[in-house]
Protein backbone atom coordinates (compact mmCIF):
# COMPACT_ATOMS: atom_id res chain seq x y z
CA MET A 1 123.53 67.54 95.02
CA ALA A 2 125.35 68.89 91.98
CA PHE A 3 128.89 70.18 92.47
CA THR A 4 132.01 71.11 90.56
CA ALA A 5 135.03 69.00 91.45
CA HIS A 6 137.33 71.32 93.39
CA PRO A 7 139.13 70.61 96.68
CA GLU A 8 137.22 73.44 98.39
CA GLU A 9 133.90 71.75 97.55
CA VAL A 10 134.71 68.84 99.86
CA ALA A 11 133.92 70.82 103.03
CA ARG A 12 130.51 71.89 101.68
CA LEU A 13 129.61 68.33 100.72
CA ARG A 14 130.72 67.03 104.12
CA ARG A 15 128.43 69.53 105.84
CA ALA A 16 125.52 68.53 103.61
CA VAL A 17 126.13 64.87 104.41
CA GLY A 18 126.08 65.64 108.14
CA VAL A 19 122.76 67.46 107.84
CA HIS A 20 121.09 64.68 105.83
CA LEU A 21 122.29 61.86 108.05
CA ALA A 22 121.25 63.69 111.20
CA ALA A 23 117.77 64.16 109.70
CA TRP A 24 117.64 60.41 109.01
CA GLY A 25 118.76 59.55 112.53
CA LEU A 26 122.07 58.15 111.30
CA ASP A 27 124.41 60.31 113.38
CA ASP A 28 126.66 57.31 114.06
CA GLN A 29 127.44 57.08 110.33
CA VAL A 30 128.40 60.73 109.80
CA ASP A 31 132.19 60.43 110.26
CA THR A 32 132.44 57.34 108.06
CA VAL A 33 130.29 58.72 105.26
CA GLN A 34 132.05 62.09 105.32
CA LEU A 35 135.42 60.37 104.93
CA CYS A 36 134.13 58.29 102.02
CA VAL A 37 132.65 61.35 100.32
CA SER A 38 135.95 63.21 100.76
CA GLU A 39 137.88 60.38 99.11
CA LEU A 40 135.39 59.88 96.26
CA VAL A 41 135.30 63.58 95.42
CA SER A 42 139.09 63.92 95.74
CA ASN A 43 139.41 60.97 93.38
CA ILE A 44 137.48 62.91 90.72
CA VAL A 45 139.64 66.00 91.23
CA THR A 46 142.84 63.96 90.93
CA HIS A 47 142.00 61.47 88.19
CA VAL A 48 139.24 63.13 86.14
CA GLY A 49 140.19 66.77 86.58
CA ALA A 50 139.47 69.85 88.63
CA GLY A 51 136.36 71.64 87.43
CA THR A 52 134.57 68.47 86.38
CA PRO A 53 130.78 68.73 86.84
CA ALA A 54 129.62 65.97 89.16
CA SER A 55 126.90 65.10 91.65
CA LEU A 56 126.51 63.38 95.01
CA ALA A 57 123.53 61.22 95.96
CA LEU A 58 122.63 59.67 99.32
CA SER A 59 119.89 57.12 99.87
CA THR A 60 118.83 54.58 102.47
CA ASP A 61 116.34 51.74 102.63
CA GLY A 62 116.49 51.35 106.41
CA GLU A 63 119.10 48.61 106.17
CA ARG A 64 121.84 50.14 104.04
CA LEU A 65 123.07 53.65 103.43
CA ARG A 66 124.24 54.23 99.87
CA VAL A 67 126.60 56.96 98.71
CA GLU A 68 126.95 57.68 94.99
CA VAL A 69 129.26 60.10 93.21
CA HIS A 70 128.47 60.65 89.51
CA ASP A 71 130.96 62.06 86.99
CA PRO A 72 131.06 62.17 83.16
CA ASP A 73 134.35 60.29 82.61
CA THR A 74 133.76 56.62 81.75
CA ARG A 75 137.47 55.90 81.24
CA ALA A 76 139.06 56.88 84.55
CA LEU A 77 137.82 53.97 86.68
CA PRO A 78 138.68 53.89 90.40
CA THR A 79 140.79 50.88 91.39
CA LEU A 80 142.45 49.57 94.51
CA VAL A 81 146.22 49.97 94.50
CA ASP A 82 148.91 48.87 96.91
CA ALA A 83 150.21 52.27 97.97
CA GLU A 84 153.38 52.50 100.03
CA ILE A 85 152.87 53.45 103.65
CA ASP A 86 154.60 56.82 103.20
CA ALA A 87 152.99 57.57 99.81
CA GLU A 88 151.10 60.85 99.60
CA GLY A 89 148.41 59.44 97.32
CA GLY A 90 146.92 56.23 96.01
CA ARG A 91 145.17 55.15 99.19
CA GLY A 92 141.79 56.80 98.55
CA MET A 93 139.80 53.80 97.29
CA ALA A 94 141.59 51.51 99.75
CA LEU A 95 140.24 53.73 102.52
CA VAL A 96 136.74 53.63 101.06
CA ALA A 97 136.96 49.83 100.78
CA ALA A 98 138.04 49.63 104.42
CA LEU A 99 135.30 51.94 105.70
CA ALA A 100 132.37 50.72 103.60
CA ASP A 101 130.73 47.31 103.63
CA ARG A 102 130.94 47.20 99.87
CA TRP A 103 131.71 49.49 96.92
CA GLY A 104 131.81 49.41 93.18
CA VAL A 105 131.64 51.29 89.90
CA GLN A 106 128.67 51.42 87.53
CA VAL A 107 129.60 52.48 84.00
CA CYS A 108 126.84 54.00 81.87
CA GLU A 109 126.87 55.41 78.33
CA ASP A 110 127.64 58.99 79.28
CA HIS A 111 128.81 58.84 82.90
CA LYS A 112 129.93 56.57 85.68
CA VAL A 113 128.79 56.10 89.25
CA THR A 114 131.25 55.27 92.01
CA TRP A 115 129.31 54.03 95.00
CA CYS A 116 129.72 52.56 98.45
CA GLU A 117 127.31 51.20 101.02
CA MET A 118 127.26 50.91 104.79
CA VAL A 119 124.99 48.62 106.78
CA THR A 120 122.72 50.67 109.05
CA GLY A 121 120.33 47.97 110.21
CA PRO A 122 119.75 44.20 110.18
CA THR A 123 120.05 42.68 106.71
CA SER A 124 118.61 39.31 105.89
CA THR A 125 118.25 36.79 103.12
CA ALA A 126 115.09 34.90 102.25
CA GLY A 127 115.80 32.56 105.16
CA GLY A 128 115.86 35.44 107.61
CA THR A 129 119.57 35.50 108.47
CA VAL A 130 122.64 36.82 106.74
CA ASP A 131 124.38 34.17 104.66
CA PRO A 132 128.19 34.54 104.99
CA SER A 133 128.66 32.84 101.62
CA VAL A 134 126.51 35.45 99.90
CA THR A 135 128.35 38.27 101.70
CA ARG A 136 131.73 36.89 100.60
CA ALA A 137 130.50 36.43 97.03
CA GLU A 138 129.25 40.03 96.86
CA ALA A 139 132.57 41.31 98.18
CA LEU A 140 134.41 39.24 95.57
CA LEU A 141 132.21 40.51 92.74
CA ASN A 142 132.64 44.10 93.89
CA THR A 143 136.41 43.68 93.86
CA TYR A 144 136.28 41.88 90.50
CA ALA A 145 134.26 44.74 89.01
CA THR A 146 137.12 47.14 89.69
CA LEU A 147 139.49 44.85 87.77
CA ARG A 148 137.15 44.11 84.87
CA PRO A 149 134.21 46.55 85.00
CA PRO A 150 131.00 45.34 83.32
CA ALA A 151 128.92 47.60 81.09
CA LEU A 152 126.36 47.84 83.88
CA SER A 153 126.42 47.29 87.61
CA HIS A 154 126.14 43.70 88.81
CA GLU A 155 124.34 44.91 91.91
CA PRO A 156 121.28 42.77 92.75
CA GLY A 157 117.80 44.19 92.56
CA LEU A 158 118.11 45.95 89.20
CA GLY A 159 115.52 43.85 87.37
CA ARG A 160 116.00 41.56 84.39
CA VAL A 161 118.96 43.45 82.90
CA GLY A 162 120.71 43.73 86.25
CA ARG A 163 120.22 40.02 86.90
CA ALA A 164 121.64 39.13 83.48
CA VAL A 165 124.70 41.31 84.11
CA ALA A 166 125.13 39.74 87.55
CA GLU A 167 125.05 36.27 86.02
CA GLU A 168 127.63 37.26 83.41
CA SER A 169 129.89 38.64 86.14
CA VAL A 170 129.65 35.36 88.06
CA ILE A 171 130.40 33.40 84.88
CA ASP A 172 133.45 35.60 84.25
CA VAL A 173 134.73 34.95 87.79
CA ILE A 174 134.22 31.19 87.51
CA THR A 175 135.85 31.11 84.07
CA ASP A 176 138.90 32.99 85.35
CA PHE A 177 139.21 30.61 88.29
CA LEU A 178 138.96 27.58 86.00
CA ARG A 179 141.72 29.00 83.80
CA TRP A 180 143.79 29.64 86.93
CA LEU A 181 143.32 26.00 88.00
CA ARG A 182 144.44 24.77 84.59
CA VAL A 183 147.53 26.99 84.58
CA ARG A 184 148.41 25.68 88.03
CA GLY A 185 148.06 22.08 86.90
CA CYS A 186 144.90 21.35 88.93
CA ASP A 187 141.96 19.19 87.87
CA ALA A 188 139.20 21.71 87.15
CA ASP A 189 136.52 19.04 86.75
CA GLU A 190 137.32 17.57 90.15
CA VAL A 191 137.16 21.03 91.74
CA LEU A 192 133.79 21.70 90.09
CA ASP A 193 132.44 18.35 91.34
CA ARG A 194 133.60 19.11 94.88
CA ALA A 195 132.12 22.60 94.72
CA GLN A 196 128.79 21.21 93.50
CA SER A 197 128.74 18.64 96.29
CA ARG A 198 129.51 21.28 98.90
CA TYR A 199 126.82 23.57 97.49
CA GLU A 200 124.21 20.80 97.59
CA ALA A 201 125.24 20.01 101.16
CA THR A 202 124.67 23.63 102.20
CA LEU A 203 121.25 23.59 100.57
CA SER A 204 120.37 20.39 102.44
CA ASN A 205 121.55 21.86 105.73
CA SER A 206 119.58 25.06 105.20
CA ARG A 207 116.38 23.08 104.52
CA GLN A 208 116.90 21.06 107.67
CA GLY A 209 117.54 24.25 109.67
């Protein structure tokens, strides 16, 4: 749905969201998604500018509901900030992060996409159950992307390019942690050895399970 970023557009978009989710049988997600849409659109009005042409997209694969807001400004990137309790603004993306299971920003050549996802059904890995380690890693990468956005989304399932970007994001995270260990006077090689051992142990346990 195309829209022009104005405060009065929020109500229209919220109604459209309610209609679509009801048609998909996702009535239990309406309040959450409407709040996220309100914050994402308000973020464009505040930080990109009133009157900005934008669009809203909803999609679902039966397991996750995805909300995307597209706008043409590739410089004004949403970030999480520590707003004071009595502050009038600055809590928008923090609210989205609290309501959604994950969120992020995809920067393209001529526009950006701010997105969030909610789990609507059982999700599984190749082994058939949700891996907490993978969930934590995805949450970390999503947060990291807001601090150091890649040229493309690191979201899985985007093919060869998406996988390459995902790998680069992981490498960036590991590199930053290794530098942090060095600054703090820790033995990075020892930490890497312990991490490798723990990883191999989890693989062994998963095969046995």
